[in-house]
Amino acid sequence: MGKIEITPIATMRSDLPTKFGIPRQSGLVDELRSTIVFEPEYRNPDALRGIEGFSHLWLIWQFSAAVRQGWSPTVRPPRLGGNTRIGVFASRSPFRPNSLGLSCVRLLGTEQTAEGTVLHVAGADLMDGTPILDIKPYVPYSDSHPEALGGFTDTAGDFLLQVEFPQPLLDLLPAEKQEAAKALLSHDPRPSYQRDPERIYGLPFAGYDIRFRVHGDLLTVIDTQNPQSAHATTPTMALSEIAAAR
C-alpha cells in the first residue's frame, strides 16, 4: 500500500505552549478553553452547518512535537510509573507509527472572526499550534459505552494531587484562567519518574510560568511569573515574598 497524504484542516490555539503540563487525556480538565482556527481553504461556513447541534466533537490531530523516525512496538505509559512496557496499540502514547491523536472535546460555540468561523472548545489536551486533521461530531448512541473496561487507565484518578495555590500568586493570573491552572496542576504535570520533593518545576500556561514543588500528594505553588513582560508591567511574586509581607 502506498503512502497516504493528509492535509491539516485547522490549528489549535491553547494556553499550553509546550508538552509539559498538557492533560494526559481530553476531558480531564474541562476548565481549559481552546480555539480551533481553520486553514484558509477550509473556512467555508457551510462546512460547519449543523455543528452547533452537537455538544461534543472528536478531533483527529497530529502529535506534531513527538514525530520521530521509526517506531517501537512497546511504550512506557506514565500512568504505570514510566517503567512498565505495554504494546503501543494498547496505549494512547504519542510515540506511534503515524503520530495521530484522538480527543473528545466539549463544543462551547462558534464565532465569526477575521480568520473565518472558529470553534471554541473545552477540555482539549492539545498543545498550542497542534495541526488538526479532521473533526467529527460525537454521537452518544454509538460513541458512549458506559460498560467499557479501561485497562490500566482505570486508576487514573489515583494520581490527583491536592493543590495549594496561595491567593496572592493565584491573583496574578487572569481571573478566567485561575480554575484551569489549578485543575491542570491537580493532575500532576511531572514526569512519572521524577519524585524529588525539593525539585522546582515550571508550568508554562497562558503566558505565565507557574513554579511549584510536590511533596507526597500536595503540590505547592511557590512563584508566578510573566516572562513575556519585559518591563515588569505585570507583577510577579514568590512565596517567600508573601511570607515576608505577613
Protein backbone atom coordinates (compact mmCIF):
# COMPACT_ATOMS: atom_id res chain seq x y z
CA MET A 1 0.00 0.00 0.00
CA GLY A 2 1.34 3.41 -0.92
CA LYS A 3 1.66 6.45 1.29
CA ILE A 4 -1.42 8.48 2.21
CA GLU A 5 -1.21 12.25 2.17
CA ILE A 6 -3.16 14.14 4.84
CA THR A 7 -3.50 17.92 4.95
CA PRO A 8 -4.21 19.77 8.21
CA ILE A 9 -7.60 21.49 8.14
CA ALA A 10 -7.13 23.65 11.24
CA THR A 11 -4.81 24.66 14.06
CA MET A 12 -5.40 24.53 17.79
CA ARG A 13 -4.82 27.67 19.84
CA SER A 14 -4.48 26.96 23.52
CA ASP A 15 -2.81 28.27 26.69
CA LEU A 16 -0.25 25.44 26.70
CA PRO A 17 2.81 26.31 24.57
CA THR A 18 4.83 23.19 25.48
CA LYS A 19 4.19 19.49 26.09
CA PHE A 20 4.80 19.88 29.81
CA GLY A 21 1.54 20.14 31.71
CA ILE A 22 -0.79 19.06 28.93
CA PRO A 23 -3.56 16.83 30.36
CA ARG A 24 -2.87 13.18 29.70
CA GLN A 25 -6.32 12.75 28.18
CA SER A 26 -9.02 15.01 26.82
CA GLY A 27 -11.86 15.90 29.15
CA LEU A 28 -9.77 15.64 32.32
CA VAL A 29 -9.53 19.43 32.66
CA ASP A 30 -12.84 20.80 31.44
CA GLU A 31 -11.82 24.27 32.65
CA LEU A 32 -9.32 24.56 29.79
CA ARG A 33 -10.54 26.75 26.94
CA SER A 34 -9.13 26.48 23.41
CA THR A 35 -9.94 27.74 19.94
CA ILE A 36 -9.85 25.88 16.63
CA VAL A 37 -8.88 28.11 13.70
CA PHE A 38 -9.38 26.68 10.22
CA GLU A 39 -6.87 26.93 7.40
CA PRO A 40 -7.93 29.43 4.68
CA GLU A 41 -9.09 26.75 2.21
CA TYR A 42 -11.41 25.24 4.84
CA ARG A 43 -13.07 28.44 6.06
CA ASN A 44 -16.26 27.88 4.11
CA PRO A 45 -19.06 28.36 6.70
CA ASP A 46 -21.10 25.64 5.00
CA ALA A 47 -18.56 23.08 6.27
CA LEU A 48 -19.80 23.76 9.83
CA ARG A 49 -23.50 23.87 9.09
CA GLY A 50 -25.35 22.00 11.85
CA ILE A 51 -22.33 21.59 14.14
CA GLU A 52 -23.92 23.55 16.99
CA GLY A 53 -26.48 20.76 17.33
CA PHE A 54 -23.75 18.62 18.92
CA SER A 55 -22.37 19.10 22.42
CA HIS A 56 -19.07 17.27 21.83
CA LEU A 57 -16.65 16.73 18.97
CA TRP A 58 -13.95 14.25 18.06
CA LEU A 59 -10.66 15.81 16.99
CA ILE A 60 -8.15 13.84 14.93
CA TRP A 61 -4.78 15.53 15.10
CA GLN A 62 -1.02 15.05 14.85
CA PHE A 63 1.40 14.74 17.75
CA SER A 64 3.50 17.38 15.99
CA ALA A 65 6.02 17.62 18.86
CA ALA A 66 6.52 13.84 19.00
CA VAL A 67 7.12 12.92 15.35
CA ARG A 68 10.15 10.65 15.05
CA GLN A 69 11.74 8.28 12.61
CA GLY A 70 10.78 4.67 13.12
CA TRP A 71 8.59 3.26 15.84
CA SER A 72 8.66 0.89 18.80
CA PRO A 73 6.12 -1.90 19.40
CA THR A 74 6.09 -1.10 23.13
CA VAL A 75 5.82 2.10 25.16
CA ARG A 76 6.02 3.05 28.85
CA PRO A 77 2.80 4.82 29.93
CA PRO A 78 3.25 7.50 32.62
CA ARG A 79 0.24 6.10 34.48
CA LEU A 80 2.21 2.89 35.07
CA GLY A 81 5.17 4.78 36.54
CA GLY A 82 7.11 5.09 33.31
CA ASN A 83 8.84 1.73 33.81
CA THR A 84 6.28 -0.86 32.67
CA ARG A 85 6.08 -1.58 28.97
CA ILE A 86 2.85 -2.33 27.11
CA GLY A 87 2.00 -2.55 23.41
CA VAL A 88 1.82 0.75 21.57
CA PHE A 89 -1.63 -0.16 20.23
CA ALA A 90 -2.80 -0.83 23.80
CA SER A 91 -1.91 2.75 24.73
CA ARG A 92 -2.51 6.35 23.76
CA SER A 93 1.18 7.17 23.72
CA PRO A 94 2.20 9.99 21.35
CA PHE A 95 5.02 7.80 20.03
CA ARG A 96 3.06 5.91 17.38
CA PRO A 97 3.75 4.83 13.80
CA ASN A 98 1.64 7.68 12.38
CA SER A 99 1.76 10.13 15.32
CA LEU A 100 -2.03 10.54 15.33
CA GLY A 101 -4.04 11.71 18.33
CA LEU A 102 -7.75 11.38 19.09
CA SER A 103 -9.56 13.69 21.52
CA CYS A 104 -13.14 14.29 22.56
CA VAL A 105 -13.83 17.94 23.42
CA ARG A 106 -16.89 19.89 24.50
CA LEU A 107 -18.14 22.41 21.97
CA LEU A 108 -18.76 25.81 23.57
CA GLY A 109 -19.84 27.53 20.37
CA THR A 110 -18.78 29.16 17.13
CA GLU A 111 -17.66 32.70 16.46
CA GLN A 112 -17.26 34.78 13.32
CA THR A 113 -13.78 36.35 13.25
CA ALA A 114 -11.34 37.88 10.79
CA GLU A 115 -10.00 34.33 10.38
CA GLY A 116 -13.38 32.93 9.48
CA THR A 117 -15.63 30.86 11.72
CA VAL A 118 -13.72 29.45 14.70
CA LEU A 119 -14.74 26.80 17.21
CA HIS A 120 -14.42 27.37 20.95
CA VAL A 121 -13.97 24.13 22.88
CA ALA A 122 -13.38 22.93 26.43
CA GLY A 123 -11.30 20.08 27.79
CA ALA A 124 -8.80 19.73 24.94
CA ASP A 125 -5.43 18.05 25.55
CA LEU A 126 -3.66 19.71 22.61
CA MET A 127 -0.61 21.93 22.65
CA ASP A 128 -0.82 25.38 21.12
CA GLY A 129 -0.18 25.15 17.37
CA THR A 130 -1.20 21.50 17.03
CA PRO A 131 -2.35 20.64 13.48
CA ILE A 132 -5.88 19.23 13.37
CA LEU A 133 -6.53 16.73 10.59
CA ASP A 134 -10.28 16.16 10.91
CA ILE A 135 -13.30 16.96 13.08
CA LYS A 136 -16.28 14.67 13.59
CA PRO A 137 -19.33 15.01 15.85
CA TYR A 138 -19.58 12.87 18.96
CA VAL A 139 -22.71 10.72 18.64
CA PRO A 140 -23.90 9.48 22.08
CA TYR A 141 -25.94 6.48 20.91
CA SER A 142 -22.92 4.88 19.25
CA ASP A 143 -19.88 6.52 20.85
CA SER A 144 -20.82 6.10 24.53
CA HIS A 145 -20.10 2.74 26.18
CA PRO A 146 -20.53 3.08 29.98
CA GLU A 147 -19.79 -0.61 30.49
CA ALA A 148 -16.40 -0.42 28.74
CA LEU A 149 -13.22 -1.54 30.51
CA GLY A 150 -10.38 0.97 30.78
CA GLY A 151 -7.43 -1.35 31.35
CA PHE A 152 -4.58 0.26 33.27
CA THR A 153 -6.22 3.70 32.89
CA ASP A 154 -8.97 2.81 35.38
CA THR A 155 -6.63 4.00 38.15
CA ALA A 156 -6.12 7.47 36.62
CA GLY A 157 -7.95 9.16 39.48
CA ASP A 158 -5.35 7.87 41.94
CA PHE A 159 -2.87 10.41 40.59
CA LEU A 160 -4.79 13.55 41.59
CA LEU A 161 -2.91 15.97 43.83
CA GLN A 162 -4.09 18.48 46.37
CA VAL A 163 -3.10 21.95 45.14
CA GLU A 164 -2.02 24.77 47.44
CA PHE A 165 -2.04 27.92 45.32
CA PRO A 166 -1.60 30.97 47.61
CA GLN A 167 -4.20 33.57 46.72
CA PRO A 168 -1.70 36.39 46.04
CA LEU A 169 0.03 34.18 43.48
CA LEU A 170 -3.24 32.98 42.01
CA ASP A 171 -4.45 36.55 41.62
CA LEU A 172 -1.55 37.30 39.29
CA LEU A 173 -3.29 35.13 36.70
CA PRO A 174 -6.28 36.46 34.75
CA ALA A 175 -9.46 35.59 36.65
CA GLU A 176 -10.80 33.46 33.79
CA LYS A 177 -7.61 31.33 33.80
CA GLN A 178 -7.36 30.56 37.50
CA GLU A 179 -9.57 27.50 37.75
CA ALA A 180 -7.94 25.92 34.70
CA ALA A 181 -4.49 26.47 36.22
CA LYS A 182 -5.47 24.76 39.46
CA ALA A 183 -7.09 21.87 37.61
CA LEU A 184 -4.00 21.34 35.44
CA LEU A 185 -1.75 21.23 38.49
CA SER A 186 -4.02 18.76 40.28
CA HIS A 187 -3.36 16.22 37.54
CA ASP A 188 0.36 16.17 38.38
CA PRO A 189 2.27 17.53 35.34
CA ARG A 190 5.54 15.93 36.44
CA PRO A 191 7.12 13.01 34.56
CA SER A 192 6.28 9.82 36.44
CA TYR A 193 9.94 9.03 37.12
CA GLN A 194 10.59 12.34 38.91
CA ARG A 195 9.60 12.39 42.60
CA ASP A 196 12.16 14.72 44.23
CA PRO A 197 10.21 16.86 46.75
CA GLU A 198 12.84 19.62 46.54
CA ARG A 199 12.78 19.93 42.78
CA ILE A 200 11.12 23.04 41.38
CA TYR A 201 9.02 22.62 38.24
CA GLY A 202 7.74 25.29 35.90
CA LEU A 203 4.39 25.04 34.10
CA PRO A 204 4.08 27.43 31.11
CA PHE A 205 0.43 28.45 30.99
CA ALA A 206 -1.40 31.36 29.33
CA GLY A 207 1.80 33.41 29.05
CA TYR A 208 2.81 32.78 32.67
CA ASP A 209 5.34 30.46 34.31
CA ILE A 210 3.88 28.76 37.38
CA ARG A 211 6.63 27.35 39.65
CA PHE A 212 5.78 24.56 42.07
CA ARG A 213 7.04 21.73 44.26
CA VAL A 214 5.35 18.43 45.10
CA HIS A 215 5.68 16.62 48.41
CA GLY A 216 3.64 13.46 48.66
CA ASP A 217 0.15 14.27 47.45
CA LEU A 218 0.49 18.02 47.99
CA LEU A 219 1.52 20.39 45.20
CA THR A 220 2.51 23.86 46.39
CA VAL A 221 2.87 26.81 44.03
CA ILE A 222 5.88 28.91 45.05
CA ASP A 223 6.09 31.52 42.31
CA THR A 224 4.10 33.01 39.44
CA GLN A 225 5.95 34.88 36.70
CA ASN A 226 5.07 36.55 33.44
CA PRO A 227 8.17 36.07 31.23
CA GLN A 228 6.51 37.99 28.38
CA SER A 229 6.52 41.16 30.48
CA ALA A 230 9.95 42.61 29.64
CA HIS A 231 9.41 45.74 31.73
CA ALA A 232 7.56 44.13 34.62
CA THR A 233 4.29 45.76 33.71
CA THR A 234 2.68 42.60 35.09
CA PRO A 235 3.89 41.89 38.64
CA THR A 236 5.43 38.65 39.81
CA MET A 237 5.51 37.37 43.36
CA ALA A 238 7.27 34.49 45.05
CA LEU A 239 6.03 32.53 48.06
CA SER A 240 8.89 33.95 50.13
CA GLU A 241 7.68 37.48 49.43
CA ILE A 242 4.18 36.57 50.57
CA ALA A 243 5.52 35.20 53.84
CA ALA A 244 7.65 38.30 54.41
CA ALA A 245 4.69 40.58 53.87
CA ARG A 246 2.60 38.86 56.56
